[in-house]
Every structure is written in structure tokens, then in C-alpha cells.
Amino acid sequence: MKKSLRIKTIWVCFAFMFIFIGGMMGYALLRVQCLNMGYEISRSTTFNRRLAALRNNFKIELEHLQSLERIEKIARKELGLNAPSHRRIIGEP
């Protein structure tokens, strides 16, 4: 009788140890996944900031390329165009 009670007690202890160790391993796995997710969020945030800075630079470059002074300079120097005289301008009726 004592032997069977002792064996049951050992099996119960092993079961509790197995559950405890499994829980600890599960907890460690979740912590590692949480840490990796934090790193991924950090990388995504850095990438997003770089894209925002690049977009801002493109906006500035677009405004420069669309500036009337630049277009007029290219028309005069590279294309040889001049502003029309007042006689050549036809008004709208």
C-alpha cells in the first residue's frame, strides 16, 4: 500500500514538474516573440521615417523643377525662346 501511494506521489510530482517546465518554456517563447516583434516595429518605424524624409526631399525637388524662373531660364538659354511682344499677344474677346 505504501509503495503504490509513493509511486502515485512521484507521478503527481512529475506531472506538476512537467506542467511547470512547459509553462516556463511557453513563457520564454512568448517573451522571445514579443522581443522580436519590438525589433520589427523599431525597424519599420526607422524605415517609415526614412521614407518620409525622402518624400519631403522629392517634394522640394519637384517645387524646384516646377519653378517658373527655372522654366523661363531653360526656355531662353537652351531653347532660344523669347517673350512675345505686345503686338503678338491676342486678347480674349
C-alpha atoms as a PDB file:
ATOM      1  CA  MET A   1       0.000   0.000   0.000  1.00  0.00           C
ATOM      2  CA  LYS A   2       2.741   2.402   0.875  1.00  0.00           C
ATOM      3  CA  LYS A   3       4.629   1.601  -2.289  1.00  0.00           C
ATOM      4  CA  SER A   4       1.669   2.314  -4.582  1.00  0.00           C
ATOM      5  CA  LEU A   5       0.987   5.595  -2.734  1.00  0.00           C
ATOM      6  CA  ARG A   6       4.633   6.555  -3.125  1.00  0.00           C
ATOM      7  CA  ILE A   7       4.552   5.783  -6.876  1.00  0.00           C
ATOM      8  CA  LYS A   8       1.388   7.858  -7.292  1.00  0.00           C
ATOM      9  CA  THR A   9       3.014  10.716  -5.406  1.00  0.00           C
ATOM     10  CA  ILE A  10       6.077  10.535  -7.657  1.00  0.00           C
ATOM     11  CA  TRP A  11       3.885  10.552 -10.788  1.00  0.00           C
ATOM     12  CA  VAL A  12       1.915  13.538  -9.494  1.00  0.00           C
ATOM     13  CA  CYS A  13       5.176  15.372  -8.761  1.00  0.00           C
ATOM     14  CA  PHE A  14       6.461  14.569 -12.253  1.00  0.00           C
ATOM     15  CA  ALA A  15       3.181  15.772 -13.762  1.00  0.00           C
ATOM     16  CA  PHE A  16       3.358  19.057 -11.861  1.00  0.00           C
ATOM     17  CA  MET A  17       7.032  19.483 -12.803  1.00  0.00           C
ATOM     18  CA  PHE A  18       6.189  18.772 -16.446  1.00  0.00           C
ATOM     19  CA  ILE A  19       3.370  21.325 -16.397  1.00  0.00           C
ATOM     20  CA  PHE A  20       5.572  23.888 -14.631  1.00  0.00           C
ATOM     21  CA  ILE A  21       8.512  23.410 -17.017  1.00  0.00           C
ATOM     22  CA  GLY A  22       6.160  23.509 -20.020  1.00  0.00           C
ATOM     23  CA  GLY A  23       4.653  26.741 -18.724  1.00  0.00           C
ATOM     24  CA  MET A  24       8.077  28.285 -18.238  1.00  0.00           C
ATOM     25  CA  MET A  25       9.133  27.262 -21.749  1.00  0.00           C
ATOM     26  CA  GLY A  26       5.911  28.707 -23.135  1.00  0.00           C
ATOM     27  CA  TYR A  27       6.515  31.934 -21.243  1.00  0.00           C
ATOM     28  CA  ALA A  28      10.095  32.133 -22.561  1.00  0.00           C
ATOM     29  CA  LEU A  29       8.856  31.526 -26.118  1.00  0.00           C
ATOM     30  CA  LEU A  30       6.285  34.298 -25.783  1.00  0.00           C
ATOM     31  CA  ARG A  31       8.906  36.704 -24.409  1.00  0.00           C
ATOM     32  CA  VAL A  32      11.228  35.966 -27.349  1.00  0.00           C
ATOM     33  CA  GLN A  33       8.383  36.561 -29.807  1.00  0.00           C
ATOM     34  CA  CYS A  34       7.494  39.808 -28.033  1.00  0.00           C
ATOM     35  CA  LEU A  35      11.116  40.960 -28.223  1.00  0.00           C
ATOM     36  CA  ASN A  36      11.329  40.099 -31.920  1.00  0.00           C
ATOM     37  CA  MET A  37       8.095  41.990 -32.559  1.00  0.00           C
ATOM     38  CA  GLY A  38       9.582  45.019 -30.802  1.00  0.00           C
ATOM     39  CA  TYR A  39      12.640  44.859 -33.053  1.00  0.00           C
ATOM     40  CA  GLU A  40      10.410  44.579 -36.129  1.00  0.00           C
ATOM     41  CA  ILE A  41       8.375  47.600 -35.035  1.00  0.00           C
ATOM     42  CA  SER A  42      11.587  49.552 -34.484  1.00  0.00           C
ATOM     43  CA  ARG A  43      12.870  48.659 -37.962  1.00  0.00           C
ATOM     44  CA  SER A  44       9.529  49.577 -39.527  1.00  0.00           C
ATOM     45  CA  THR A  45       9.485  52.924 -37.707  1.00  0.00           C
ATOM     46  CA  THR A  46      13.016  53.715 -38.899  1.00  0.00           C
ATOM     47  CA  PHE A  47      12.088  52.754 -42.462  1.00  0.00           C
ATOM     48  CA  ASN A  48       8.949  54.909 -42.259  1.00  0.00           C
ATOM     49  CA  ARG A  49      10.995  57.906 -41.114  1.00  0.00           C
ATOM     50  CA  ARG A  50      13.435  57.422 -43.994  1.00  0.00           C
ATOM     51  CA  LEU A  51      10.568  57.250 -46.476  1.00  0.00           C
ATOM     52  CA  ALA A  52       9.029  60.425 -45.030  1.00  0.00           C
ATOM     53  CA  ALA A  53      12.358  62.264 -45.358  1.00  0.00           C
ATOM     54  CA  LEU A  54      12.760  61.007 -48.927  1.00  0.00           C
ATOM     55  CA  ARG A  55       9.210  62.116 -49.755  1.00  0.00           C
ATOM     56  CA  ASN A  56       9.958  65.553 -48.333  1.00  0.00           C
ATOM     57  CA  ASN A  57      13.122  65.785 -50.459  1.00  0.00           C
ATOM     58  CA  PHE A  58      11.145  64.811 -53.553  1.00  0.00           C
ATOM     59  CA  LYS A  59       8.557  67.494 -52.824  1.00  0.00           C
ATOM     60  CA  ILE A  60      11.293  70.116 -52.563  1.00  0.00           C
ATOM     61  CA  GLU A  61      12.900  68.894 -55.783  1.00  0.00           C
ATOM     62  CA  LEU A  62       9.531  68.928 -57.573  1.00  0.00           C
ATOM     63  CA  GLU A  63       8.881  72.512 -56.480  1.00  0.00           C
ATOM     64  CA  HIS A  64      12.332  73.466 -57.743  1.00  0.00           C
ATOM     65  CA  LEU A  65      11.753  71.741 -61.086  1.00  0.00           C
ATOM     66  CA  GLN A  66       8.357  73.405 -61.499  1.00  0.00           C
ATOM     67  CA  SER A  67       9.549  76.907 -60.608  1.00  0.00           C
ATOM     68  CA  LEU A  68       8.718  79.485 -63.267  1.00  0.00           C
ATOM     69  CA  GLU A  69      12.180  81.074 -63.066  1.00  0.00           C
ATOM     70  CA  ARG A  70      13.843  77.779 -63.924  1.00  0.00           C
ATOM     71  CA  ILE A  71      11.433  77.080 -66.785  1.00  0.00           C
ATOM     72  CA  GLU A  72      11.940  80.576 -68.183  1.00  0.00           C
ATOM     73  CA  LYS A  73      15.721  80.215 -67.941  1.00  0.00           C
ATOM     74  CA  ILE A  74      15.638  76.906 -69.848  1.00  0.00           C
ATOM     75  CA  ALA A  75      13.302  78.404 -72.481  1.00  0.00           C
ATOM     76  CA  ARG A  76      15.596  81.373 -73.079  1.00  0.00           C
ATOM     77  CA  LYS A  77      19.023  79.714 -72.920  1.00  0.00           C
ATOM     78  CA  GLU A  78      18.512  76.170 -74.135  1.00  0.00           C
ATOM     79  CA  LEU A  79      15.548  76.537 -76.469  1.00  0.00           C
ATOM     80  CA  GLY A  80      16.205  80.089 -77.680  1.00  0.00           C
ATOM     81  CA  LEU A  81      12.668  81.294 -76.931  1.00  0.00           C
ATOM     82  CA  ASN A  82      11.812  84.898 -76.062  1.00  0.00           C
ATOM     83  CA  ALA A  83       8.776  86.515 -74.515  1.00  0.00           C
ATOM     84  CA  PRO A  84       6.314  87.648 -77.218  1.00  0.00           C
ATOM     85  CA  SER A  85       5.998  91.349 -77.933  1.00  0.00           C
ATOM     86  CA  HIS A  86       2.786  93.164 -77.023  1.00  0.00           C
ATOM     87  CA  ARG A  87       1.754  93.256 -80.689  1.00  0.00           C
ATOM     88  CA  ARG A  88       1.810  89.483 -80.933  1.00  0.00           C
ATOM     89  CA  ILE A  89      -0.429  88.902 -77.894  1.00  0.00           C
ATOM     90  CA  ILE A  90      -4.069  88.443 -78.787  1.00  0.00           C
ATOM     91  CA  GLY A  91      -6.566  89.190 -76.045  1.00  0.00           C
ATOM     92  CA  GLU A  92      -9.626  87.110 -75.379  1.00  0.00           C
ATOM     93  CA  PRO A  93     -12.923  88.506 -76.641  1.00  0.00           C
END
